Amino acid sequence: MYAYDELDRQIVRERVAQFASQVERRLDGSLTEEEFRPLRLKNGVYLQLHAYMLRVAIPYGGLSSRQLRQLALIAEKYDRGYGHFTTRTNIQFNWPKLREIPAILGLLADVDMHAIQTSGNCIRNTTTDCFAGAAFDEIEDPRPTAEWIRQWSTLHPEFDWLGRKFKIAVTATQQDRAVLRGHDVGVRIVRNAAGETGYRLYVGGGLGRTPMEGKLVRDFLPRAELLGYLEAILRVYNLEGRRDNKFKARIKILVHEIGLEAFRAQVEAEYSKVVAAAPAPDLREFERITASFDAPDFADLPEVSRKLEQAQAADPDLAQFVARNLFRHKKKGYVALTISLKSIGGAPGDATAEQMRAVADLAEQFSFDQVRVSYKQNLVLPHVRRDDVPEIFAVLKAQGLATPNVDLITDIICCPGLDYCALATARSIPLAQTLSRHFADPDKQKEIGELSIKISGCINACAHHHIANIGILGLEKSGGESYQITIGGDPGDQYALGELLGPGLPASAVPEAIDRVIGVYLDARRQGETFIETYRRLGVTPFKAAFKEIADAVA
């Protein structure tokens, strides 16, 4: 993992002191809420429905056991005993008192963490593949590139007050596990015909009220040119993007309105200015960062673990867990292990202080002191010996963290919704809990196979409902809550936005509507087909027909 140097620590400590002074002035009335708002947003502090909310940065989803224990302490001492992991791989605390937030930021600084640029119109937390550094199919570890971008973008004076928030994702695999085309900029590490490593860049993606797919702006960019080219993209956006309407201020709108070719031409022209004004590209800083991500001291292990095989034969629960929650590692004898934060009937993405400490202990003992947060709101132990899986599973089971449902229908992504968020128009957590219980039967989940459900409580789409196999959007309608259902979304290599099935439904009708949709799939699927594959073959028409029966019944 990247280790802070003294400059990093100085920046964070100075920010804590600055914000402590700002909070003091807000509490004594020297600052109005309107004056305080841009200051708190720069420090990750939102005013939610019932309390302030603090969003803590977890750069590219990486945590040490020490950091995770500190988050547990904060949850216990300053919140209500839990934290909420988000689709941006950050963690949110929903109940801190404003007067105590500087103390929380101080505790974060103690373990090289902060809340800088987790809100406001700036470059947000750069995300990547949760299996980075472990994945069998990556060209290289994408975390050094993500850290390089983080350092370049943090407190960048030119991009501190953008028209809107700006999000970047990085991956190093052909299989997209970072939702590249759903970001303002997506960065894919590739090799060209000469075998050189560089970057393929997508621009103008995003969800929210106007979902769009990112478009290819550069097929190959040499490594040394990445930051300069990103700077050119941001400059064009900052100068040309709309500021008269926040709903049309994202870069996706600019790319859409002027067209990709015109946008690319402006970026290339701006990049020429960047190159002319800057010294020759220097990769020493990238190399310094990369040295922080040296591979762990892996042991030379056999591919197959007899110990794990025997344990699975004796324990069907462990066998189910192994089948769903393990991911192929690049090193023989190791796996990446996903810890589902989607227990049946639980609030997706939530983890208690006790659970965080348990995972921290497991990371320290079994995973080279590393934990990852995935955009799917789960945790990952990236480097686990196969022999150690049974012992890890026993601990997870005791903590309620051994749910074997990764990428199944109960692995639901869900925003906080109207239970917490001031922007929400409907509740999302209760519906996620209802659907989780509705599909709780392990045999039914196995029969359905891989299928994603994502639930957003408003049009801002924090849960990525547009790109779910089954997406649910909660809206206010006539003083009540109404839920629109889309199907056919895909965040990966065949990126697609879901299609609306029909009018919104009350929450009580949603489980039956999804039953009908899944029924069409189960009746029509071919051998080995997943839900999304069957949908692509059939199209939306038969699913709409099944949905209409429910919609008509509740109309």
Protein backbone atom coordinates (compact mmCIF):
# COMPACT_ATOMS: atom_id res chain seq x y z
CA MET A 1 0.00 0.00 0.00
CA TYR A 2 1.03 3.62 -0.51
CA ALA A 3 2.65 5.10 2.61
CA TYR A 4 2.18 8.77 3.43
CA ASP A 5 5.30 10.92 3.59
CA GLU A 6 5.71 13.99 5.79
CA LEU A 7 4.26 16.30 3.13
CA ASP A 8 1.10 14.16 2.91
CA ARG A 9 0.73 14.25 6.69
CA GLN A 10 1.33 17.99 6.85
CA ILE A 11 -1.39 18.68 4.28
CA VAL A 12 -3.91 16.55 6.15
CA ARG A 13 -3.06 18.01 9.58
CA GLU A 14 -3.31 21.56 8.24
CA ARG A 15 -6.74 20.79 6.80
CA VAL A 16 -7.92 19.41 10.16
CA ALA A 17 -6.80 22.58 11.94
CA GLN A 18 -8.45 24.81 9.32
CA PHE A 19 -11.74 22.97 9.54
CA ALA A 20 -11.69 22.96 13.35
CA SER A 21 -11.54 26.76 13.21
CA GLN A 22 -14.37 26.87 10.69
CA VAL A 23 -16.57 24.61 12.83
CA GLU A 24 -15.89 26.76 15.88
CA ARG A 25 -17.00 29.85 13.94
CA ARG A 26 -20.14 28.09 12.73
CA LEU A 27 -21.06 27.02 16.25
CA ASP A 28 -20.59 30.50 17.71
CA GLY A 29 -22.62 32.08 14.91
CA SER A 30 -19.73 33.87 13.18
CA LEU A 31 -20.52 31.86 10.06
CA THR A 32 -24.04 31.33 8.72
CA GLU A 33 -25.01 27.91 7.37
CA GLU A 34 -24.87 29.36 3.85
CA GLU A 35 -21.32 30.60 4.44
CA PHE A 36 -20.32 27.34 6.14
CA ARG A 37 -21.75 25.04 3.47
CA PRO A 38 -18.90 25.26 0.89
CA LEU A 39 -16.35 24.91 3.70
CA ARG A 40 -17.88 21.76 5.18
CA LEU A 41 -18.38 20.21 1.74
CA LYS A 42 -14.67 20.59 1.08
CA ASN A 43 -14.17 18.40 4.14
CA GLY A 44 -16.70 15.71 3.32
CA VAL A 45 -19.46 16.97 5.63
CA TYR A 46 -23.06 16.89 4.38
CA LEU A 47 -26.21 18.03 6.14
CA GLN A 48 -28.59 15.09 5.82
CA LEU A 49 -32.22 14.72 6.88
CA HIS A 50 -31.57 14.11 10.57
CA ALA A 51 -27.92 14.93 11.19
CA TYR A 52 -24.62 15.78 9.59
CA MET A 53 -22.95 13.01 7.59
CA LEU A 54 -19.19 12.58 7.21
CA ARG A 55 -17.83 10.85 4.13
CA VAL A 56 -14.30 9.50 4.59
CA ALA A 57 -12.00 8.93 1.63
CA ILE A 58 -10.72 5.42 0.99
CA PRO A 59 -8.49 5.97 -2.07
CA TYR A 60 -9.04 3.22 -4.65
CA GLY A 61 -10.68 1.19 -1.87
CA GLY A 62 -7.49 0.28 0.00
CA LEU A 63 -7.31 -0.06 3.79
CA SER A 64 -4.83 -1.43 6.29
CA SER A 65 -5.99 -3.23 9.44
CA ARG A 66 -4.89 -0.20 11.49
CA GLN A 67 -7.06 2.10 9.41
CA LEU A 68 -10.06 -0.21 9.55
CA ARG A 69 -9.75 -0.44 13.33
CA GLN A 70 -9.72 3.36 13.49
CA LEU A 71 -12.92 3.49 11.45
CA ALA A 72 -14.42 1.02 13.95
CA LEU A 73 -13.39 3.28 16.81
CA ILE A 74 -14.99 6.30 15.14
CA ALA A 75 -18.19 4.34 14.51
CA GLU A 76 -18.34 3.31 18.14
CA LYS A 77 -17.34 6.60 19.76
CA TYR A 78 -18.89 9.21 17.46
CA ASP A 79 -21.65 7.43 15.53
CA ARG A 80 -24.15 4.68 16.32
CA GLY A 81 -21.77 1.75 16.11
CA TYR A 82 -21.62 1.22 12.36
CA GLY A 83 -20.46 2.72 9.07
CA HIS A 84 -21.85 2.58 5.53
CA PHE A 85 -19.54 1.60 2.65
CA THR A 86 -20.47 3.29 -0.62
CA THR A 87 -20.27 2.70 -4.38
CA ARG A 88 -17.35 5.17 -4.47
CA THR A 89 -15.48 2.77 -2.11
CA ASN A 90 -15.65 5.35 0.70
CA ILE A 91 -17.28 5.03 4.12
CA GLN A 92 -19.99 7.30 5.51
CA PHE A 93 -20.85 8.01 9.12
CA ASN A 94 -24.47 9.12 9.34
CA TRP A 95 -24.77 10.50 12.88
CA PRO A 96 -21.71 12.55 13.93
CA LYS A 97 -22.20 15.77 15.88
CA LEU A 98 -20.74 18.79 14.12
CA ARG A 99 -18.69 19.84 17.14
CA GLU A 100 -17.04 16.40 17.17
CA ILE A 101 -16.13 16.16 13.48
CA PRO A 102 -12.74 17.89 13.89
CA ALA A 103 -11.85 15.25 16.49
CA ILE A 104 -12.90 12.54 14.04
CA LEU A 105 -10.73 14.10 11.33
CA GLY A 106 -7.87 14.13 13.81
CA LEU A 107 -8.28 10.41 14.44
CA LEU A 108 -8.31 9.83 10.69
CA ALA A 109 -5.12 11.86 10.29
CA ASP A 110 -3.48 9.64 12.92
CA VAL A 111 -3.78 6.72 10.48
CA ASP A 112 -3.11 8.65 7.24
CA MET A 113 -6.76 9.13 6.29
CA HIS A 114 -8.94 12.16 5.61
CA ALA A 115 -12.20 13.38 4.08
CA ILE A 116 -10.70 15.83 1.57
CA GLN A 117 -12.52 16.00 -1.80
CA THR A 118 -15.16 13.44 -0.87
CA SER A 119 -17.78 16.09 -1.68
CA GLY A 120 -18.06 19.38 -3.50
CA ASN A 121 -17.40 20.25 -7.14
CA CYS A 122 -13.94 18.74 -7.36
CA ILE A 123 -12.15 15.58 -8.49
CA ARG A 124 -13.49 12.85 -6.22
CA ASN A 125 -11.95 9.61 -4.99
CA THR A 126 -10.36 7.68 -7.86
CA THR A 127 -11.60 4.08 -7.87
CA THR A 128 -10.30 0.84 -9.35
CA ASP A 129 -10.76 -2.93 -9.42
CA CYS A 130 -11.20 -4.29 -5.89
CA PHE A 131 -8.92 -7.19 -6.89
CA ALA A 132 -6.11 -4.88 -8.02
CA GLY A 133 -2.70 -6.39 -7.38
CA ALA A 134 -4.25 -9.83 -6.97
CA ALA A 135 -6.25 -10.38 -10.16
CA PHE A 136 -5.04 -13.15 -12.47
CA ASP A 137 -6.04 -11.18 -15.56
CA GLU A 138 -4.48 -7.76 -14.99
CA ILE A 139 -1.71 -6.28 -17.13
CA GLU A 140 -0.26 -4.58 -14.08
CA ASP A 141 -1.44 -3.37 -10.69
CA PRO A 142 -3.65 -0.32 -11.42
CA ARG A 143 -3.30 1.15 -7.91
CA PRO A 144 -0.06 3.07 -8.64
CA THR A 145 -1.83 4.83 -11.49
CA ALA A 146 -4.82 5.57 -9.24
CA GLU A 147 -2.48 6.94 -6.55
CA TRP A 148 -0.63 9.01 -9.14
CA ILE A 149 -3.93 10.56 -10.16
CA ARG A 150 -4.92 11.08 -6.52
CA GLN A 151 -1.75 12.99 -5.75
CA TRP A 152 -2.07 15.11 -8.89
CA SER A 153 -5.73 15.92 -8.26
CA THR A 154 -5.67 16.57 -4.50
CA LEU A 155 -6.08 20.30 -3.83
CA HIS A 156 -5.29 21.05 -7.49
CA PRO A 157 -5.75 24.84 -7.59
CA GLU A 158 -7.18 24.90 -11.11
CA PHE A 159 -9.80 22.22 -10.49
CA ASP A 160 -10.92 23.04 -6.97
CA TRP A 161 -14.19 24.70 -8.09
CA LEU A 162 -15.42 22.76 -11.11
CA GLY A 163 -18.90 23.08 -12.56
CA ARG A 164 -19.79 19.75 -10.91
CA LYS A 165 -18.14 16.76 -9.25
CA PHE A 166 -15.72 14.77 -11.39
CA LYS A 167 -15.08 11.03 -11.10
CA ILE A 168 -12.25 8.90 -12.49
CA ALA A 169 -11.87 5.11 -12.54
CA VAL A 170 -8.86 2.97 -13.49
CA THR A 171 -8.59 -0.68 -14.44
CA ALA A 172 -5.91 -2.95 -15.90
CA THR A 173 -8.01 -5.84 -17.17
CA GLN A 174 -10.01 -6.61 -20.26
CA GLN A 175 -12.97 -7.49 -18.05
CA ASP A 176 -14.19 -4.17 -16.68
CA ARG A 177 -14.64 -4.40 -12.91
CA ALA A 178 -14.46 -0.63 -12.35
CA VAL A 179 -17.40 0.69 -14.47
CA LEU A 180 -15.07 2.66 -16.75
CA ARG A 181 -17.76 3.93 -19.11
CA GLY A 182 -19.93 5.13 -16.25
CA HIS A 183 -17.34 7.73 -15.21
CA ASP A 184 -16.42 11.24 -16.27
CA VAL A 185 -13.10 9.71 -17.29
CA GLY A 186 -12.34 5.99 -17.48
CA VAL A 187 -8.69 4.90 -17.69
CA ARG A 188 -7.84 1.42 -18.96
CA ILE A 189 -4.24 0.22 -18.78
CA VAL A 190 -3.36 -1.46 -22.08
CA ARG A 191 -0.40 -2.55 -24.20
CA ASN A 192 0.07 -1.40 -27.79
CA ALA A 193 1.38 -3.45 -30.71
CA ALA A 194 4.96 -2.68 -29.69
CA GLY A 195 4.35 -4.09 -26.22
CA GLU A 196 4.48 -0.69 -24.51
CA THR A 197 2.21 -0.10 -21.53
CA GLY A 198 -0.04 2.93 -21.67
CA TYR A 199 -3.66 4.03 -21.30
CA ARG A 200 -6.94 3.96 -23.21
CA LEU A 201 -9.19 6.82 -22.14
CA TYR A 202 -12.98 7.11 -22.13
CA VAL A 203 -14.73 10.41 -21.43
CA GLY A 204 -18.25 11.65 -20.81
CA GLY A 205 -19.83 8.76 -18.96
CA GLY A 206 -22.10 9.14 -15.97
CA LEU A 207 -25.44 8.20 -14.47
CA GLY A 208 -27.83 10.49 -12.57
CA ARG A 209 -30.81 12.11 -14.27
CA THR A 210 -29.10 11.94 -17.69
CA PRO A 211 -27.27 8.61 -17.91
CA MET A 212 -24.68 8.35 -20.69
CA GLU A 213 -21.98 5.94 -21.79
CA GLY A 214 -18.38 7.12 -21.82
CA LYS A 215 -16.82 7.47 -25.28
CA LEU A 216 -13.34 6.56 -26.45
CA VAL A 217 -11.27 9.75 -26.63
CA ARG A 218 -7.75 8.25 -26.90
CA ASP A 219 -6.98 4.68 -27.93
CA PHE A 220 -3.43 4.73 -26.62
CA LEU A 221 -1.66 7.27 -24.44
CA PRO A 222 1.94 6.68 -23.30
CA ARG A 223 2.28 6.52 -19.54
CA ALA A 224 4.29 9.72 -19.26
CA GLU A 225 1.48 11.67 -20.91
CA LEU A 226 -1.39 10.63 -18.64
CA LEU A 227 -1.47 13.51 -16.16
CA GLY A 228 -0.93 16.11 -18.85
CA TYR A 229 -3.76 14.68 -20.92
CA LEU A 230 -6.07 14.53 -17.90
CA GLU A 231 -5.19 18.15 -17.24
CA ALA A 232 -6.19 19.03 -20.80
CA ILE A 233 -9.53 17.23 -20.41
CA LEU A 234 -10.25 19.01 -17.14
CA ARG A 235 -9.28 22.40 -18.57
CA VAL A 236 -11.63 22.03 -21.53
CA TYR A 237 -14.43 20.92 -19.21
CA ASN A 238 -13.73 23.69 -16.71
CA LEU A 239 -13.75 26.38 -19.41
CA GLU A 240 -16.50 25.07 -21.69
CA GLY A 241 -18.81 23.13 -19.39
CA ARG A 242 -22.10 24.70 -18.36
CA ARG A 243 -22.42 26.46 -15.01
CA ASP A 244 -25.87 27.97 -15.45
CA ASN A 245 -27.68 24.71 -14.63
CA LYS A 246 -26.20 22.15 -12.24
CA PHE A 247 -28.22 19.40 -13.87
CA LYS A 248 -26.40 20.06 -17.14
CA ALA A 249 -22.98 20.83 -15.73
CA ARG A 250 -21.31 17.39 -15.95
CA ILE A 251 -18.73 16.71 -18.64
CA LYS A 252 -21.07 14.18 -20.25
CA ILE A 253 -23.38 17.05 -21.25
CA LEU A 254 -20.51 18.99 -22.81
CA VAL A 255 -19.36 15.97 -24.82
CA HIS A 256 -22.93 15.28 -25.90
CA GLU A 257 -23.70 18.88 -26.90
CA ILE A 258 -20.56 19.62 -28.93
CA GLY A 259 -19.90 16.07 -30.09
CA LEU A 260 -17.00 13.73 -29.40
CA GLU A 261 -14.87 14.87 -32.35
CA ALA A 262 -15.14 18.55 -31.44
CA PHE A 263 -14.40 17.73 -27.81
CA ARG A 264 -11.40 15.61 -28.77
CA ALA A 265 -10.06 18.41 -30.98
CA GLN A 266 -10.29 20.89 -28.12
CA VAL A 267 -8.55 18.48 -25.75
CA GLU A 268 -5.74 17.82 -28.22
CA ALA A 269 -5.25 21.56 -28.74
CA GLU A 270 -5.17 22.13 -25.00
CA TYR A 271 -2.82 19.23 -24.52
CA SER A 272 -0.38 20.84 -26.97
CA LYS A 273 -0.35 23.89 -24.69
CA VAL A 274 0.24 21.71 -21.63
CA VAL A 275 3.19 20.00 -23.33
CA ALA A 276 4.65 23.32 -24.49
CA ALA A 277 4.43 24.84 -21.01
CA ALA A 278 5.63 21.86 -18.99
CA PRO A 279 9.05 20.22 -18.71
CA ALA A 280 9.66 16.90 -20.40
CA PRO A 281 7.57 14.07 -18.87
CA ASP A 282 9.26 12.55 -15.84
CA LEU A 283 8.22 9.14 -14.55
CA ARG A 284 10.34 9.18 -11.40
CA GLU A 285 7.35 10.13 -9.27
CA PHE A 286 5.29 7.30 -10.75
CA GLU A 287 8.16 4.92 -10.07
CA ARG A 288 8.40 6.18 -6.47
CA ILE A 289 4.68 5.54 -6.00
CA THR A 290 4.89 2.13 -7.66
CA ALA A 291 7.57 1.06 -5.20
CA SER A 292 4.97 1.39 -2.42
CA PHE A 293 2.90 -1.32 -4.07
CA ASP A 294 5.47 -4.10 -4.22
CA ALA A 295 3.89 -7.54 -4.23
CA PRO A 296 3.62 -9.22 -0.82
CA ASP A 297 6.05 -11.95 0.11
CA PHE A 298 3.97 -14.79 -1.29
CA ALA A 299 4.84 -18.34 -0.37
CA ASP A 300 5.43 -21.04 -2.96
CA LEU A 301 2.21 -23.05 -2.62
CA PRO A 302 0.49 -25.85 -4.55
CA GLU A 303 -2.47 -24.87 -6.71
CA VAL A 304 -4.88 -27.19 -4.88
CA SER A 305 -5.50 -27.10 -1.14
CA ARG A 306 -6.34 -30.55 0.22
CA LYS A 307 -7.18 -28.92 3.53
CA LEU A 308 -9.81 -26.71 1.88
CA GLU A 309 -11.21 -29.59 -0.15
CA GLN A 310 -11.64 -31.73 2.95
CA ALA A 311 -13.22 -28.87 4.91
CA GLN A 312 -15.72 -28.24 2.11
CA ALA A 313 -16.68 -31.90 2.00
CA ALA A 314 -17.43 -31.76 5.72
CA ASP A 315 -19.22 -28.40 5.73
CA PRO A 316 -21.84 -27.58 3.04
CA ASP A 317 -22.00 -23.94 4.21
CA LEU A 318 -18.28 -23.54 3.58
CA ALA A 319 -18.68 -25.18 0.18
CA GLN A 320 -21.34 -22.62 -0.78
CA PHE A 321 -19.12 -19.80 0.41
CA VAL A 322 -16.15 -21.06 -1.60
CA ALA A 323 -18.31 -21.40 -4.72
CA ARG A 324 -19.49 -17.77 -4.57
CA ASN A 325 -17.04 -15.63 -2.62
CA LEU A 326 -13.60 -16.60 -3.89
CA PHE A 327 -11.84 -15.02 -6.87
CA ARG A 328 -8.93 -16.42 -8.85
CA HIS A 329 -5.58 -15.00 -7.73
CA LYS A 330 -2.51 -14.38 -9.89
CA LYS A 331 -0.38 -16.38 -7.44
CA LYS A 332 -0.73 -20.13 -7.20
CA GLY A 333 -2.25 -21.32 -3.93
CA TYR A 334 -3.89 -17.96 -3.12
CA VAL A 335 -7.36 -16.47 -3.63
CA ALA A 336 -9.03 -13.11 -3.21
CA LEU A 337 -11.91 -13.50 -0.76
CA THR A 338 -15.00 -11.28 -0.86
CA ILE A 339 -16.78 -10.55 2.42
CA SER A 340 -20.41 -9.84 1.62
CA LEU A 341 -21.96 -6.90 3.47
CA LYS A 342 -25.35 -8.13 2.25
CA SER A 343 -26.59 -10.44 4.95
CA ILE A 344 -30.17 -11.56 4.38
CA GLY A 345 -32.42 -8.77 5.63
CA GLY A 346 -29.52 -6.45 6.44
CA ALA A 347 -28.85 -2.91 5.21
CA PRO A 348 -26.54 -3.25 2.17
CA GLY A 349 -23.06 -1.85 2.73
CA ASP A 350 -23.34 -1.44 6.50
CA ALA A 351 -20.73 -2.90 8.86
CA THR A 352 -20.67 -2.66 12.64
CA ALA A 353 -17.62 -1.64 14.64
CA GLU A 354 -17.28 -5.23 15.86
CA GLN A 355 -17.40 -6.54 12.30
CA MET A 356 -14.80 -4.02 11.13
CA ARG A 357 -12.46 -5.09 13.89
CA ALA A 358 -12.97 -8.74 13.02
CA VAL A 359 -12.13 -8.08 9.38
CA ALA A 360 -9.09 -6.02 10.42
CA ASP A 361 -7.85 -8.95 12.49
CA LEU A 362 -8.34 -11.32 9.55
CA ALA A 363 -6.50 -8.97 7.21
CA GLU A 364 -3.59 -8.70 9.60
CA GLN A 365 -3.35 -12.43 10.13
CA PHE A 366 -4.23 -13.81 6.71
CA SER A 367 -4.05 -11.13 3.98
CA PHE A 368 -0.77 -9.23 4.36
CA ASP A 369 -2.58 -6.50 6.31
CA GLN A 370 -4.73 -5.47 3.33
CA VAL A 371 -8.49 -4.92 2.98
CA ARG A 372 -10.30 -3.57 -0.07
CA VAL A 373 -13.68 -1.92 -0.43
CA SER A 374 -15.52 -2.75 -3.66
CA TYR A 375 -17.90 -0.45 -5.52
CA LYS A 376 -20.45 -3.21 -4.95
CA GLN A 377 -20.38 -2.28 -1.24
CA ASN A 378 -18.52 -5.36 -0.08
CA LEU A 379 -15.09 -5.91 1.48
CA VAL A 380 -12.26 -8.00 0.05
CA LEU A 381 -9.26 -9.78 1.55
CA PRO A 382 -7.07 -9.72 -1.56
CA HIS A 383 -4.29 -12.20 -0.70
CA VAL A 384 -5.52 -15.31 1.15
CA ARG A 385 -3.94 -18.75 1.18
CA ARG A 386 -6.43 -21.41 0.16
CA ASP A 387 -5.47 -23.39 3.27
CA ASP A 388 -6.62 -20.48 5.45
CA VAL A 389 -10.12 -20.14 3.96
CA PRO A 390 -11.84 -22.50 6.47
CA GLU A 391 -10.46 -20.58 9.46
CA ILE A 392 -11.43 -17.23 7.93
CA PHE A 393 -14.90 -18.55 7.12
CA ALA A 394 -15.45 -19.62 10.73
CA VAL A 395 -14.67 -16.09 11.97
CA LEU A 396 -16.85 -14.49 9.32
CA LYS A 397 -19.73 -16.82 10.13
CA ALA A 398 -19.57 -15.87 13.80
CA GLN A 399 -19.75 -12.20 12.79
CA GLY A 400 -22.67 -12.60 10.35
CA LEU A 401 -20.34 -11.90 7.41
CA ALA A 402 -20.26 -15.28 5.67
CA THR A 403 -23.24 -14.83 3.35
CA PRO A 404 -22.42 -16.80 0.15
CA ASN A 405 -24.19 -14.47 -2.29
CA VAL A 406 -21.56 -12.52 -4.23
CA ASP A 407 -23.08 -11.45 -7.59
CA LEU A 408 -26.33 -13.26 -6.81
CA ILE A 409 -29.76 -11.65 -6.53
CA THR A 410 -29.39 -10.82 -2.81
CA ASP A 411 -26.05 -9.05 -3.34
CA ILE A 412 -28.05 -5.83 -3.69
CA ILE A 413 -26.40 -2.43 -4.13
CA CYS A 414 -28.41 0.24 -2.34
CA CYS A 415 -28.05 3.91 -1.46
CA PRO A 416 -29.09 5.27 2.00
CA GLY A 417 -32.29 6.70 0.49
CA LEU A 418 -34.95 8.63 2.35
CA ASP A 419 -33.97 7.11 5.69
CA TYR A 420 -30.95 9.44 5.67
CA CYS A 421 -30.41 11.47 2.51
CA ALA A 422 -31.83 14.99 2.07
CA LEU A 423 -31.87 14.51 -1.71
CA ALA A 424 -33.79 11.23 -1.70
CA THR A 425 -37.39 10.99 -2.85
CA ALA A 426 -38.06 7.43 -1.63
CA ARG A 427 -36.70 4.85 0.76
CA SER A 428 -34.34 2.27 -0.64
CA ILE A 429 -33.00 0.31 2.36
CA PRO A 430 -36.38 -1.18 3.42
CA LEU A 431 -37.04 -2.35 -0.14
CA ALA A 432 -33.58 -3.90 -0.37
CA GLN A 433 -34.21 -5.72 2.90
CA THR A 434 -37.60 -6.96 1.66
CA LEU A 435 -36.13 -8.26 -1.60
CA SER A 436 -33.23 -9.87 0.25
CA ARG A 437 -35.66 -11.83 2.42
CA HIS A 438 -37.91 -12.58 -0.56
CA PHE A 439 -35.05 -14.29 -2.41
CA ALA A 440 -33.29 -15.67 0.66
CA ASP A 441 -33.58 -19.35 -0.28
CA PRO A 442 -30.05 -20.45 -1.32
CA ASP A 443 -31.40 -22.99 -3.81
CA LYS A 444 -33.52 -20.30 -5.48
CA GLN A 445 -30.56 -17.94 -5.66
CA LYS A 446 -28.45 -20.68 -7.22
CA GLU A 447 -31.18 -21.47 -9.75
CA ILE A 448 -31.42 -17.82 -10.80
CA GLY A 449 -27.65 -17.45 -11.03
CA GLU A 450 -25.76 -14.20 -11.48
CA LEU A 451 -28.13 -11.24 -11.45
CA SER A 452 -27.61 -7.74 -10.09
CA ILE A 453 -30.26 -5.59 -8.38
CA LYS A 454 -29.43 -1.96 -7.62
CA ILE A 455 -31.79 0.43 -5.81
CA SER A 456 -31.53 4.22 -5.85
CA GLY A 457 -33.71 6.45 -3.70
CA CYS A 458 -33.58 9.37 -6.14
CA ILE A 459 -32.66 10.39 -9.66
CA ASN A 460 -29.02 10.99 -8.68
CA ALA A 461 -28.47 7.22 -9.04
CA CYS A 462 -25.90 6.72 -6.27
CA ALA A 463 -26.66 2.99 -6.38
CA HIS A 464 -26.06 2.79 -10.16
CA HIS A 465 -29.58 1.52 -10.89
CA HIS A 466 -29.26 2.45 -14.59
CA ILE A 467 -26.61 -0.22 -15.13
CA ALA A 468 -28.17 -3.01 -13.07
CA ASN A 469 -29.57 -6.16 -14.61
CA ILE A 470 -32.66 -5.11 -12.64
CA GLY A 471 -32.59 -1.47 -11.59
CA ILE A 472 -35.03 0.18 -9.21
CA LEU A 473 -35.52 3.93 -8.88
CA GLY A 474 -37.61 5.30 -6.03
CA LEU A 475 -39.51 8.53 -6.68
CA GLU A 476 -42.13 10.61 -4.92
CA LYS A 477 -45.56 10.39 -6.54
CA SER A 478 -48.70 12.04 -5.21
CA GLY A 479 -47.24 12.19 -1.72
CA GLY A 480 -46.21 8.54 -1.72
CA GLU A 481 -43.32 6.41 -2.92
CA SER A 482 -43.26 4.91 -6.40
CA TYR A 483 -40.63 2.57 -7.81
CA GLN A 484 -39.68 2.38 -11.48
CA ILE A 485 -38.05 -0.83 -12.69
CA THR A 486 -35.54 -1.08 -15.53
CA ILE A 487 -33.87 -4.22 -16.87
CA GLY A 488 -30.92 -5.00 -19.10
CA GLY A 489 -28.30 -2.70 -17.60
CA ASP A 490 -24.68 -3.82 -17.52
CA PRO A 491 -21.69 -2.02 -15.92
CA GLY A 492 -19.04 -4.17 -17.61
CA ASP A 493 -17.54 -4.86 -21.02
CA GLN A 494 -20.93 -4.78 -22.75
CA TYR A 495 -21.88 -1.56 -20.99
CA ALA A 496 -25.60 -0.87 -21.29
CA LEU A 497 -28.28 1.27 -19.72
CA GLY A 498 -31.42 -0.52 -18.59
CA GLU A 499 -34.79 -0.14 -20.30
CA LEU A 500 -37.88 0.98 -18.40
CA LEU A 501 -40.51 -1.73 -18.05
CA GLY A 502 -43.49 0.52 -17.35
CA PRO A 503 -45.05 2.82 -14.78
CA GLY A 504 -43.89 3.03 -11.20
CA LEU A 505 -45.18 0.58 -8.60
CA PRO A 506 -45.76 0.80 -4.85
CA ALA A 507 -43.09 -0.94 -2.81
CA SER A 508 -45.49 -3.76 -1.93
CA ALA A 509 -45.79 -4.75 -5.61
CA VAL A 510 -42.09 -4.74 -6.45
CA PRO A 511 -41.22 -8.28 -5.26
CA GLU A 512 -44.00 -9.84 -7.34
CA ALA A 513 -43.01 -7.74 -10.36
CA ILE A 514 -39.43 -8.99 -10.10
CA ASP A 515 -40.74 -12.54 -9.69
CA ARG A 516 -42.58 -12.17 -13.00
CA VAL A 517 -39.49 -10.78 -14.74
CA ILE A 518 -37.33 -13.61 -13.42
CA GLY A 519 -40.01 -16.10 -14.41
CA VAL A 520 -39.69 -15.02 -18.04
CA TYR A 521 -35.95 -15.54 -17.83
CA LEU A 522 -36.15 -18.97 -16.18
CA ASP A 523 -38.70 -20.19 -18.70
CA ALA A 524 -36.75 -18.96 -21.73
CA ARG A 525 -33.09 -19.31 -20.85
CA ARG A 526 -30.81 -21.70 -22.66
CA GLN A 527 -28.30 -23.97 -21.04
CA GLY A 528 -25.78 -21.93 -19.05
CA GLU A 529 -27.30 -18.53 -19.85
CA THR A 530 -27.30 -15.78 -17.25
CA PHE A 531 -30.17 -13.33 -16.86
CA ILE A 532 -28.43 -10.61 -18.86
CA GLU A 533 -27.56 -13.02 -21.67
CA THR A 534 -31.16 -14.19 -21.94
CA TYR A 535 -32.35 -10.58 -21.92
CA ARG A 536 -30.00 -9.66 -24.77
CA ARG A 537 -31.29 -12.58 -26.83
CA LEU A 538 -34.99 -11.99 -26.17
CA GLY A 539 -35.12 -8.22 -25.97
CA VAL A 540 -37.34 -6.30 -23.57
CA THR A 541 -40.78 -7.18 -25.05
CA PRO A 542 -41.58 -10.42 -23.16
CA PHE A 543 -40.42 -8.88 -19.88
CA LYS A 544 -42.63 -5.84 -20.45
CA ALA A 545 -45.61 -8.10 -21.06
CA ALA A 546 -45.07 -9.92 -17.77
CA PHE A 547 -44.55 -6.66 -15.91
CA LYS A 548 -47.73 -5.15 -17.39
CA GLU A 549 -49.87 -7.74 -15.62
CA ILE A 550 -48.64 -6.46 -12.25
CA ALA A 551 -48.79 -2.81 -13.24
CA ASP A 552 -52.38 -3.17 -14.44
CA ALA A 553 -53.38 -4.95 -11.25
CA VAL A 554 -52.16 -2.13 -9.01
CA ALA A 555 -53.17 0.78 -11.27
